[in-house]
Every structure is written in C-alpha cells, then in structure tokens.
C-alpha atoms as a PDB file:
ATOM      1  CA  MET A   1      -3.528  27.612 -12.049  1.00  0.00           C
ATOM      2  CA  GLU A   2      -2.462  24.870  -9.673  1.00  0.00           C
ATOM      3  CA  GLN A   3       0.200  22.498 -11.006  1.00  0.00           C
ATOM      4  CA  ARG A   4      -0.468  18.938  -9.863  1.00  0.00           C
ATOM      5  CA  SER A   5       2.197  16.275  -9.796  1.00  0.00           C
ATOM      6  CA  LEU A   6       2.191  13.571 -12.459  1.00  0.00           C
ATOM      7  CA  LEU A   7       1.348  10.943  -9.859  1.00  0.00           C
ATOM      8  CA  GLU A   8      -1.655  12.919  -8.613  1.00  0.00           C
ATOM      9  CA  ARG A   9      -2.884  13.513 -12.168  1.00  0.00           C
ATOM     10  CA  LEU A  10      -2.649   9.778 -12.908  1.00  0.00           C
ATOM     11  CA  ALA A  11      -4.425   8.894  -9.647  1.00  0.00           C
ATOM     12  CA  ARG A  12      -7.221  11.385 -10.387  1.00  0.00           C
ATOM     13  CA  HIS A  13      -7.580   9.950 -13.891  1.00  0.00           C
ATOM     14  CA  LEU A  14      -7.821   6.403 -12.529  1.00  0.00           C
ATOM     15  CA  ALA A  15     -10.391   7.506  -9.922  1.00  0.00           C
ATOM     16  CA  ALA A  16     -12.482   9.212 -12.595  1.00  0.00           C
ATOM     17  CA  GLY A  17     -12.726   5.894 -14.413  1.00  0.00           C
ATOM     18  CA  ASN A  18     -13.968   4.111 -11.288  1.00  0.00           C
ATOM     19  CA  PRO A  19     -17.550   5.168 -10.456  1.00  0.00           C
ATOM     20  CA  ASP A  20     -17.421   3.252  -7.151  1.00  0.00           C
ATOM     21  CA  LEU A  21     -14.972   5.848  -5.880  1.00  0.00           C
ATOM     22  CA  GLY A  22     -16.166   9.341  -5.205  1.00  0.00           C
ATOM     23  CA  PRO A  23     -14.385  12.282  -6.850  1.00  0.00           C
ATOM     24  CA  ASP A  24     -12.596  13.009  -3.586  1.00  0.00           C
ATOM     25  CA  ARG A  25     -11.223   9.472  -3.348  1.00  0.00           C
ATOM     26  CA  TRP A  26      -8.412   9.809  -5.862  1.00  0.00           C
ATOM     27  CA  GLN A  27      -5.874   9.126  -3.072  1.00  0.00           C
ATOM     28  CA  ASP A  28      -7.080   5.518  -3.117  1.00  0.00           C
ATOM     29  CA  GLN A  29      -5.623   5.224  -6.624  1.00  0.00           C
ATOM     30  CA  VAL A  30      -2.127   6.551  -5.828  1.00  0.00           C
ATOM     31  CA  GLU A  31      -0.676   3.043  -5.458  1.00  0.00           C
ATOM     32  CA  ASP A  32      -2.068   2.019  -8.851  1.00  0.00           C
ATOM     33  CA  ALA A  33      -0.715   5.204 -10.407  1.00  0.00           C
ATOM     34  CA  ALA A  34       2.706   4.548  -8.842  1.00  0.00           C
ATOM     35  CA  SER A  35       2.632   1.009 -10.240  1.00  0.00           C
ATOM     36  CA  LEU A  36       2.012   2.378 -13.719  1.00  0.00           C
ATOM     37  CA  LEU A  37       4.916   4.799 -13.374  1.00  0.00           C
ATOM     38  CA  ALA A  38       7.178   2.002 -12.146  1.00  0.00           C
ATOM     39  CA  ILE A  39       6.271  -0.022 -15.244  1.00  0.00           C
ATOM     40  CA  ILE A  40       7.272   2.772 -17.611  1.00  0.00           C
ATOM     41  CA  LYS A  41      10.496   3.569 -15.734  1.00  0.00           C
ATOM     42  CA  SER A  42      12.427   1.324 -18.104  1.00  0.00           C
ATOM     43  CA  PRO A  43      12.058   2.878 -21.565  1.00  0.00           C
ATOM     44  CA  ASP A  44      11.545   0.770 -24.646  1.00  0.00           C
ATOM     45  CA  ASP A  45      13.763   0.902 -27.749  1.00  0.00           C
ATOM     46  CA  VAL A  46      11.793   3.707 -29.401  1.00  0.00           C
ATOM     47  CA  MET A  47      12.039   5.836 -26.259  1.00  0.00           C
ATOM     48  CA  ARG A  48      15.779   5.153 -25.928  1.00  0.00           C
ATOM     49  CA  LYS A  49      16.333   6.395 -29.470  1.00  0.00           C
ATOM     50  CA  ALA A  50      14.452   9.609 -28.685  1.00  0.00           C
ATOM     51  CA  GLY A  51      16.394  10.646 -25.588  1.00  0.00           C
ATOM     52  CA  ASP A  52      18.630   9.973 -22.619  1.00  0.00           C
ATOM     53  CA  GLU A  53      17.501   6.902 -20.676  1.00  0.00           C
ATOM     54  CA  ARG A  54      19.157   8.094 -17.446  1.00  0.00           C
ATOM     55  CA  VAL A  55      17.262  11.373 -17.533  1.00  0.00           C
ATOM     56  CA  TRP A  56      13.968   9.534 -18.093  1.00  0.00           C
ATOM     57  CA  GLN A  57      14.608   7.166 -15.185  1.00  0.00           C
ATOM     58  CA  ALA A  58      15.590  10.063 -12.900  1.00  0.00           C
ATOM     59  CA  MET A  59      12.375  11.864 -13.816  1.00  0.00           C
ATOM     60  CA  ILE A  60      10.267   8.765 -13.055  1.00  0.00           C
ATOM     61  CA  ASP A  61      12.113   8.277  -9.741  1.00  0.00           C
ATOM     62  CA  ALA A  62      11.331  11.893  -8.803  1.00  0.00           C
ATOM     63  CA  ALA A  63       7.656  11.365  -9.647  1.00  0.00           C
ATOM     64  CA  LEU A  64       7.540   8.158  -7.595  1.00  0.00           C
ATOM     65  CA  ARG A  65       9.007   9.912  -4.549  1.00  0.00           C
ATOM     66  CA  GLU A  66       5.977  12.225  -4.604  1.00  0.00           C
ATOM     67  CA  ARG A  67       3.831   9.233  -3.604  1.00  0.00           C
ATOM     68  CA  TRP A  68       4.670   9.803   0.069  1.00  0.00           C
ATOM     69  CA  VAL A  69       3.825  13.506  -0.147  1.00  0.00           C
ATOM     70  CA  ILE A  70       0.427  13.338  -1.842  1.00  0.00           C
ATOM     71  CA  ALA A  71      -0.949  10.250  -0.083  1.00  0.00           C
ATOM     72  CA  PRO A  72       1.028   9.279   3.019  1.00  0.00           C
ATOM     73  CA  ALA A  73       0.755   5.681   4.135  1.00  0.00           C
ATOM     74  CA  ALA A  74      -2.100   5.116   6.526  1.00  0.00           C
ATOM     75  CA  PRO A  75      -1.039   3.974   9.972  1.00  0.00           C
ATOM     76  CA  SER A  76      -1.450   0.286  10.532  1.00  0.00           C
ATOM     77  CA  VAL A  77      -4.455  -0.466  12.694  1.00  0.00           C
ATOM     78  CA  GLU A  78      -3.953  -3.436  14.975  1.00  0.00           C
ATOM     79  CA  PRO A  79      -7.125  -5.425  15.732  1.00  0.00           C
ATOM     80  CA  PRO A  80      -8.207  -4.966  19.374  1.00  0.00           C
ATOM     81  CA  GLY A  81      -7.256  -8.520  20.324  1.00  0.00           C
ATOM     82  CA  GLY A  82      -4.147  -8.672  18.178  1.00  0.00           C
ATOM     83  CA  THR A  83      -3.380 -11.245  15.504  1.00  0.00           C
ATOM     84  CA  ASP A  84      -1.919 -14.708  15.185  1.00  0.00           C
ATOM     85  CA  GLU A  85       1.864 -15.101  15.034  1.00  0.00           C
ATOM     86  CA  GLU A  86       1.968 -14.448  11.301  1.00  0.00           C
ATOM     87  CA  GLY A  87      -0.208 -11.347  11.615  1.00  0.00           C
ATOM     88  CA  GLU A  88      -2.758 -12.792   9.203  1.00  0.00           C
ATOM     89  CA  ILE A  89      -5.733 -13.739  11.389  1.00  0.00           C
ATOM     90  CA  PRO A  90      -7.306 -11.109  13.653  1.00  0.00           C
ATOM     91  CA  LEU A  91      -8.163 -12.367  17.121  1.00  0.00           C
ATOM     92  CA  PRO A  92     -11.002 -11.069  19.319  1.00  0.00           C
ATOM     93  CA  PRO A  93      -9.925  -9.369  22.576  1.00  0.00           C
ATOM     94  CA  ASP A  94     -11.356 -12.124  24.791  1.00  0.00           C
ATOM     95  CA  SER A  95      -9.355 -14.840  23.024  1.00  0.00           C
ATOM     96  CA  ILE A  96      -5.998 -13.670  24.340  1.00  0.00           C
ATOM     97  CA  GLY A  97      -4.983 -13.755  27.971  1.00  0.00           C
ATOM     98  CA  GLY A  98      -1.857 -12.495  29.676  1.00  0.00           C
ATOM     99  CA  ASN A  99      -0.198 -15.895  29.524  1.00  0.00           C
ATOM    100  CA  ARG A 100       1.913 -16.183  26.375  1.00  0.00           C
ATOM    101  CA  ALA A 101       1.997 -19.968  26.753  1.00  0.00           C
ATOM    102  CA  GLU A 102      -1.753 -20.289  26.213  1.00  0.00           C
ATOM    103  CA  TRP A 103      -1.091 -20.924  22.534  1.00  0.00           C
ATOM    104  CA  VAL A 104       1.321 -23.751  23.238  1.00  0.00           C
ATOM    105  CA  HIS A 105      -0.506 -27.034  23.811  1.00  0.00           C
ATOM    106  CA  LEU A 106       1.988 -29.687  24.786  1.00  0.00           C
ATOM    107  CA  HIS A 107      -0.334 -31.822  26.896  1.00  0.00           C
ATOM    108  CA  GLU A 108      -4.080 -32.056  27.008  1.00  0.00           C
ATOM    109  CA  ALA A 109      -4.071 -31.360  30.770  1.00  0.00           C
ATOM    110  CA  GLN A 110      -2.548 -27.918  30.187  1.00  0.00           C
ATOM    111  CA  GLU A 111      -5.328 -26.740  27.899  1.00  0.00           C
ATOM    112  CA  LYS A 112      -7.746 -24.120  29.132  1.00  0.00           C
ATOM    113  CA  PRO A 113     -11.087 -25.460  30.406  1.00  0.00           C
ATOM    114  CA  ARG A 114     -14.056 -24.577  28.242  1.00  0.00           C
END
C-alpha cells in the first residue's frame, strides 16, 4: 500500500469536498492544506500537556517541506506584452515599443501620435 504524505492526504481531502475540482486536481489544494498545517504548528495548551512541543513543531515543519515535492510551484508566465511597473496590469504586445521612455510623459509634444 502506498504511503502518502500528510500534506497530500489533506490536499486530497480538500479536493474531494470541492466538486468543481476533478479528482485529479488535488494539487490545486496543496496551498490550502499547507495553510492548515501552518495554523496547527503552534500547539494549544491541551496539546502541550500531552507531549513535547518541539517535536510537534519539527514534525509539522517536515510535513510543510513536502509541499515543494508533491506540487512544485508553477513557473510564472509573463504576459506577451509584459506588465506595468508594479507587475499588476498585463499589457498587450502592441502597447510596448522599444523605447523605455514611452511611459514617461513630461511634455505633451513628446507623446506618441494616435
């Protein structure tokens, strides 16, 4: 029997509860599963009384490191035309020329003709 990591089991459980995701889309839930693990990293008083807090935190850290193994980060896809300076607004390819000063409008006469 295959032994799945805790993070994968949590992600699969979260995906099963989301009918919009197909059964093979559990990787989309890895970030949510990691968030849940991060929340429980700090034990509460009852948990502290039951065992060693450092061991618990080390175990959670080990589980969180698995995030990069089971669902590696997708490469960032740059829009074809690039983005604004903050990287927030995608720009179409024909909106950007080779002149970096096109975005600087100091005088009306320097603006591009329409």
